[in-house]
Amino acid sequence: MDKELTIDEVTEIFIRINSQGAKLNQSDFAMSKIAANVKYGGNELRKASLRGRS
C-alpha cells in the first residue's frame, strides 16, 4: 500500500477487503484505525501487540 494514503482511504480499503471475512465489533474497528495512524502512535501499539503474543 502507498504510505501516503489517508486514514479514511485505508479504512475504506479495510472495510472492502474484510466485507466477506470475520465480523468485526466496534472495538476491533477502533483498534484498526488507531494502529494504522502513526501520528497517534499506532506503530508503537502494533509493536507492543506483537511483543505480547510471543
PDB file of N, CA and C in Angstrom:
ATOM      1  N   MET A   1       0.824  -1.181   0.000  1.00  0.00           N
ATOM      2  CA  MET A   1       0.000   0.000   0.000  1.00  0.00           C
ATOM      3  C   MET A   1       0.863   1.238   0.000  1.00  0.00           C
ATOM      4  N   ASP A   2       0.334   2.273  -0.560  1.00  0.00           N
ATOM      5  CA  ASP A   2       1.014   3.563  -0.603  1.00  0.00           C
ATOM      6  C   ASP A   2       1.034   4.182   0.789  1.00  0.00           C
ATOM      7  N   LYS A   3       2.202   4.599   1.246  1.00  0.00           N
ATOM      8  CA  LYS A   3       2.333   5.198   2.580  1.00  0.00           C
ATOM      9  C   LYS A   3       1.670   6.562   2.662  1.00  0.00           C
ATOM     10  N   GLU A   4       1.288   7.117   1.541  1.00  0.00           N
ATOM     11  CA  GLU A   4       0.651   8.433   1.512  1.00  0.00           C
ATOM     12  C   GLU A   4      -0.870   8.368   1.626  1.00  0.00           C
ATOM     13  N   LEU A   5      -1.433   7.181   1.744  1.00  0.00           N
ATOM     14  CA  LEU A   5      -2.885   7.058   1.873  1.00  0.00           C
ATOM     15  C   LEU A   5      -3.346   7.674   3.186  1.00  0.00           C
ATOM     16  N   THR A   6      -4.517   8.299   3.160  1.00  0.00           N
ATOM     17  CA  THR A   6      -5.077   8.856   4.387  1.00  0.00           C
ATOM     18  C   THR A   6      -5.703   7.738   5.216  1.00  0.00           C
ATOM     19  N   ILE A   7      -5.960   8.029   6.478  1.00  0.00           N
ATOM     20  CA  ILE A   7      -6.591   7.041   7.347  1.00  0.00           C
ATOM     21  C   ILE A   7      -7.975   6.663   6.819  1.00  0.00           C
ATOM     22  N   ASP A   8      -8.686   7.606   6.220  1.00  0.00           N
ATOM     23  CA  ASP A   8     -10.003   7.302   5.655  1.00  0.00           C
ATOM     24  C   ASP A   8      -9.897   6.371   4.457  1.00  0.00           C
ATOM     25  N   GLU A   9      -8.868   6.562   3.633  1.00  0.00           N
ATOM     26  CA  GLU A   9      -8.666   5.676   2.482  1.00  0.00           C
ATOM     27  C   GLU A   9      -8.307   4.270   2.946  1.00  0.00           C
ATOM     28  N   VAL A  10      -7.456   4.175   3.950  1.00  0.00           N
ATOM     29  CA  VAL A  10      -7.077   2.863   4.493  1.00  0.00           C
ATOM     30  C   VAL A  10      -8.297   2.175   5.103  1.00  0.00           C
ATOM     31  N   THR A  11      -9.111   2.953   5.805  1.00  0.00           N
ATOM     32  CA  THR A  11     -10.325   2.403   6.413  1.00  0.00           C
ATOM     33  C   THR A  11     -11.251   1.837   5.347  1.00  0.00           C
ATOM     34  N   GLU A  12     -11.442   2.573   4.266  1.00  0.00           N
ATOM     35  CA  GLU A  12     -12.308   2.106   3.183  1.00  0.00           C
ATOM     36  C   GLU A  12     -11.771   0.811   2.573  1.00  0.00           C
ATOM     37  N   ILE A  13     -10.472   0.741   2.352  1.00  0.00           N
ATOM     38  CA  ILE A  13      -9.862  -0.479   1.812  1.00  0.00           C
ATOM     39  C   ILE A  13     -10.070  -1.639   2.785  1.00  0.00           C
ATOM     40  N   PHE A  14      -9.843  -1.386   4.059  1.00  0.00           N
ATOM     41  CA  PHE A  14     -10.013  -2.422   5.076  1.00  0.00           C
ATOM     42  C   PHE A  14     -11.440  -2.962   5.070  1.00  0.00           C
ATOM     43  N   ILE A  15     -12.410  -2.063   5.025  1.00  0.00           N
ATOM     44  CA  ILE A  15     -13.821  -2.478   5.034  1.00  0.00           C
ATOM     45  C   ILE A  15     -14.131  -3.325   3.810  1.00  0.00           C
ATOM     46  N   ARG A  16     -13.643  -2.913   2.657  1.00  0.00           N
ATOM     47  CA  ARG A  16     -13.921  -3.675   1.431  1.00  0.00           C
ATOM     48  C   ARG A  16     -13.276  -5.059   1.465  1.00  0.00           C
ATOM     49  N   ILE A  17     -12.048  -5.124   1.927  1.00  0.00           N
ATOM     50  CA  ILE A  17     -11.355  -6.414   1.980  1.00  0.00           C
ATOM     51  C   ILE A  17     -12.010  -7.342   2.982  1.00  0.00           C
ATOM     52  N   ASN A  18     -12.409  -6.815   4.126  1.00  0.00           N
ATOM     53  CA  ASN A  18     -12.950  -7.642   5.194  1.00  0.00           C
ATOM     54  C   ASN A  18     -14.463  -7.863   5.087  1.00  0.00           C
ATOM     55  N   SER A  19     -15.093  -7.327   4.077  1.00  0.00           N
ATOM     56  CA  SER A  19     -16.555  -7.424   3.994  1.00  0.00           C
ATOM     57  C   SER A  19     -17.043  -8.866   3.952  1.00  0.00           C
ATOM     58  N   GLN A  20     -16.237  -9.774   3.448  1.00  0.00           N
ATOM     59  CA  GLN A  20     -16.621 -11.180   3.403  1.00  0.00           C
ATOM     60  C   GLN A  20     -15.934 -11.996   4.496  1.00  0.00           C
ATOM     61  N   GLY A  21     -15.140 -11.331   5.311  1.00  0.00           N
ATOM     62  CA  GLY A  21     -14.376 -12.029   6.346  1.00  0.00           C
ATOM     63  C   GLY A  21     -15.085 -12.022   7.681  1.00  0.00           C
ATOM     64  N   ALA A  22     -14.299 -12.044   8.722  1.00  0.00           N
ATOM     65  CA  ALA A  22     -14.821 -12.096  10.087  1.00  0.00           C
ATOM     66  C   ALA A  22     -15.615 -10.838  10.406  1.00  0.00           C
ATOM     67  N   LYS A  23     -16.687 -11.021  11.161  1.00  0.00           N
ATOM     68  CA  LYS A  23     -17.464  -9.889  11.624  1.00  0.00           C
ATOM     69  C   LYS A  23     -16.659  -9.152  12.685  1.00  0.00           C
ATOM     70  N   LEU A  24     -16.579  -7.846  12.547  1.00  0.00           N
ATOM     71  CA  LEU A  24     -15.824  -7.035  13.486  1.00  0.00           C
ATOM     72  C   LEU A  24     -16.775  -6.286  14.416  1.00  0.00           C
ATOM     73  N   ASN A  25     -16.341  -6.137  15.664  1.00  0.00           N
ATOM     74  CA  ASN A  25     -17.122  -5.298  16.563  1.00  0.00           C
ATOM     75  C   ASN A  25     -16.520  -3.899  16.562  1.00  0.00           C
ATOM     76  N   GLN A  26     -17.132  -2.976  17.300  1.00  0.00           N
ATOM     77  CA  GLN A  26     -16.666  -1.590  17.274  1.00  0.00           C
ATOM     78  C   GLN A  26     -15.244  -1.450  17.803  1.00  0.00           C
ATOM     79  N   SER A  27     -14.867  -2.234  18.807  1.00  0.00           N
ATOM     80  CA  SER A  27     -13.510  -2.116  19.342  1.00  0.00           C
ATOM     81  C   SER A  27     -12.474  -2.620  18.337  1.00  0.00           C
ATOM     82  N   ASP A  28     -12.798  -3.661  17.581  1.00  0.00           N
ATOM     83  CA  ASP A  28     -11.890  -4.140  16.529  1.00  0.00           C
ATOM     84  C   ASP A  28     -11.643  -3.037  15.506  1.00  0.00           C
ATOM     85  N   PHE A  29     -12.728  -2.390  15.105  1.00  0.00           N
ATOM     86  CA  PHE A  29     -12.615  -1.332  14.102  1.00  0.00           C
ATOM     87  C   PHE A  29     -11.825  -0.150  14.657  1.00  0.00           C
ATOM     88  N   ALA A  30     -12.108   0.249  15.883  1.00  0.00           N
ATOM     89  CA  ALA A  30     -11.382   1.368  16.503  1.00  0.00           C
ATOM     90  C   ALA A  30      -9.899   1.056  16.618  1.00  0.00           C
ATOM     91  N   MET A  31      -9.554  -0.143  17.040  1.00  0.00           N
ATOM     92  CA  MET A  31      -8.151  -0.521  17.184  1.00  0.00           C
ATOM     93  C   MET A  31      -7.449  -0.539  15.830  1.00  0.00           C
ATOM     94  N   SER A  32      -8.143  -0.951  14.788  1.00  0.00           N
ATOM     95  CA  SER A  32      -7.516  -0.963  13.466  1.00  0.00           C
ATOM     96  C   SER A  32      -7.221   0.459  12.997  1.00  0.00           C
ATOM     97  N   LYS A  33      -8.110   1.409  13.291  1.00  0.00           N
ATOM     98  CA  LYS A  33      -7.874   2.800  12.910  1.00  0.00           C
ATOM     99  C   LYS A  33      -6.710   3.388  13.710  1.00  0.00           C
ATOM    100  N   ILE A  34      -6.653   3.087  15.000  1.00  0.00           N
ATOM    101  CA  ILE A  34      -5.569   3.590  15.839  1.00  0.00           C
ATOM    102  C   ILE A  34      -4.233   2.997  15.388  1.00  0.00           C
ATOM    103  N   ALA A  35      -4.213   1.693  15.154  1.00  0.00           N
ATOM    104  CA  ALA A  35      -2.973   1.014  14.776  1.00  0.00           C
ATOM    105  C   ALA A  35      -2.450   1.481  13.425  1.00  0.00           C
ATOM    106  N   ALA A  36      -3.335   1.977  12.575  1.00  0.00           N
ATOM    107  CA  ALA A  36      -2.918   2.449  11.257  1.00  0.00           C
ATOM    108  C   ALA A  36      -2.436   3.891  11.275  1.00  0.00           C
ATOM    109  N   ASN A  37      -2.589   4.577  12.402  1.00  0.00           N
ATOM    110  CA  ASN A  37      -2.296   6.000  12.461  1.00  0.00           C
ATOM    111  C   ASN A  37      -0.989   6.264  13.197  1.00  0.00           C
ATOM    112  N   VAL A  38       0.076   6.473  12.452  1.00  0.00           N
ATOM    113  CA  VAL A  38       1.402   6.704  13.022  1.00  0.00           C
ATOM    114  C   VAL A  38       1.428   7.987  13.853  1.00  0.00           C
ATOM    115  N   LYS A  39       0.671   8.985  13.434  1.00  0.00           N
ATOM    116  CA  LYS A  39       0.640  10.272  14.149  1.00  0.00           C
ATOM    117  C   LYS A  39       0.279  10.081  15.623  1.00  0.00           C
ATOM    118  N   TYR A  40      -0.568   9.129  15.918  1.00  0.00           N
ATOM    119  CA  TYR A  40      -1.014   8.894  17.286  1.00  0.00           C
ATOM    120  C   TYR A  40      -0.387   7.648  17.905  1.00  0.00           C
ATOM    121  N   GLY A  41       0.736   7.218  17.373  1.00  0.00           N
ATOM    122  CA  GLY A  41       1.484   6.116  17.968  1.00  0.00           C
ATOM    123  C   GLY A  41       1.019   4.730  17.579  1.00  0.00           C
ATOM    124  N   GLY A  42       0.329   4.638  16.478  1.00  0.00           N
ATOM    125  CA  GLY A  42      -0.156   3.329  16.040  1.00  0.00           C
ATOM    126  C   GLY A  42       0.961   2.331  15.798  1.00  0.00           C
ATOM    127  N   ASN A  43       2.081   2.830  15.301  1.00  0.00           N
ATOM    128  CA  ASN A  43       3.218   1.941  15.063  1.00  0.00           C
ATOM    129  C   ASN A  43       3.718   1.337  16.376  1.00  0.00           C
ATOM    130  N   GLU A  44       3.725   2.118  17.449  1.00  0.00           N
ATOM    131  CA  GLU A  44       4.152   1.598  18.757  1.00  0.00           C
ATOM    132  C   GLU A  44       3.126   0.624  19.317  1.00  0.00           C
ATOM    133  N   LEU A  45       1.861   0.890  19.064  1.00  0.00           N
ATOM    134  CA  LEU A  45       0.797  -0.020  19.503  1.00  0.00           C
ATOM    135  C   LEU A  45       0.955  -1.379  18.830  1.00  0.00           C
ATOM    136  N   ARG A  46       1.237  -1.367  17.526  1.00  0.00           N
ATOM    137  CA  ARG A  46       1.430  -2.634  16.805  1.00  0.00           C
ATOM    138  C   ARG A  46       2.624  -3.397  17.359  1.00  0.00           C
ATOM    139  N   LYS A  47       3.724  -2.694  17.648  1.00  0.00           N
ATOM    140  CA  LYS A  47       4.910  -3.346  18.191  1.00  0.00           C
ATOM    141  C   LYS A  47       4.601  -3.980  19.546  1.00  0.00           C
ATOM    142  N   ALA A  48       3.894  -3.241  20.396  1.00  0.00           N
ATOM    143  CA  ALA A  48       3.559  -3.756  21.737  1.00  0.00           C
ATOM    144  C   ALA A  48       2.624  -4.963  21.625  1.00  0.00           C
ATOM    145  N   SER A  49       1.712  -4.900  20.687  1.00  0.00           N
ATOM    146  CA  SER A  49       0.779  -6.006  20.479  1.00  0.00           C
ATOM    147  C   SER A  49       1.521  -7.267  20.043  1.00  0.00           C
ATOM    148  N   LEU A  50       2.478  -7.100  19.139  1.00  0.00           N
ATOM    149  CA  LEU A  50       3.241  -8.250  18.661  1.00  0.00           C
ATOM    150  C   LEU A  50       4.126  -8.824  19.765  1.00  0.00           C
ATOM    151  N   ARG A  51       4.706  -7.957  20.608  1.00  0.00           N
ATOM    152  CA  ARG A  51       5.524  -8.441  21.723  1.00  0.00           C
ATOM    153  C   ARG A  51       4.687  -9.259  22.698  1.00  0.00           C
ATOM    154  N   GLY A  52       3.440  -8.881  22.882  1.00  0.00           N
ATOM    155  CA  GLY A  52       2.553  -9.585  23.800  1.00  0.00           C
ATOM    156  C   GLY A  52       2.181 -10.974  23.330  1.00  0.00           C
ATOM    157  N   ARG A  53       2.315 -11.226  22.057  1.00  0.00           N
ATOM    158  CA  ARG A  53       1.952 -12.541  21.502  1.00  0.00           C
ATOM    159  C   ARG A  53       3.049 -13.581  21.681  1.00  0.00           C
ATOM    160  N   SER A  54       4.272 -13.143  21.879  1.00  0.00           N
ATOM    161  CA  SER A  54       5.378 -14.117  21.939  1.00  0.00           C
ATOM    162  C   SER A  54       5.653 -14.592  23.339  1.00  0.00           C
TER     163      SER A  54
END
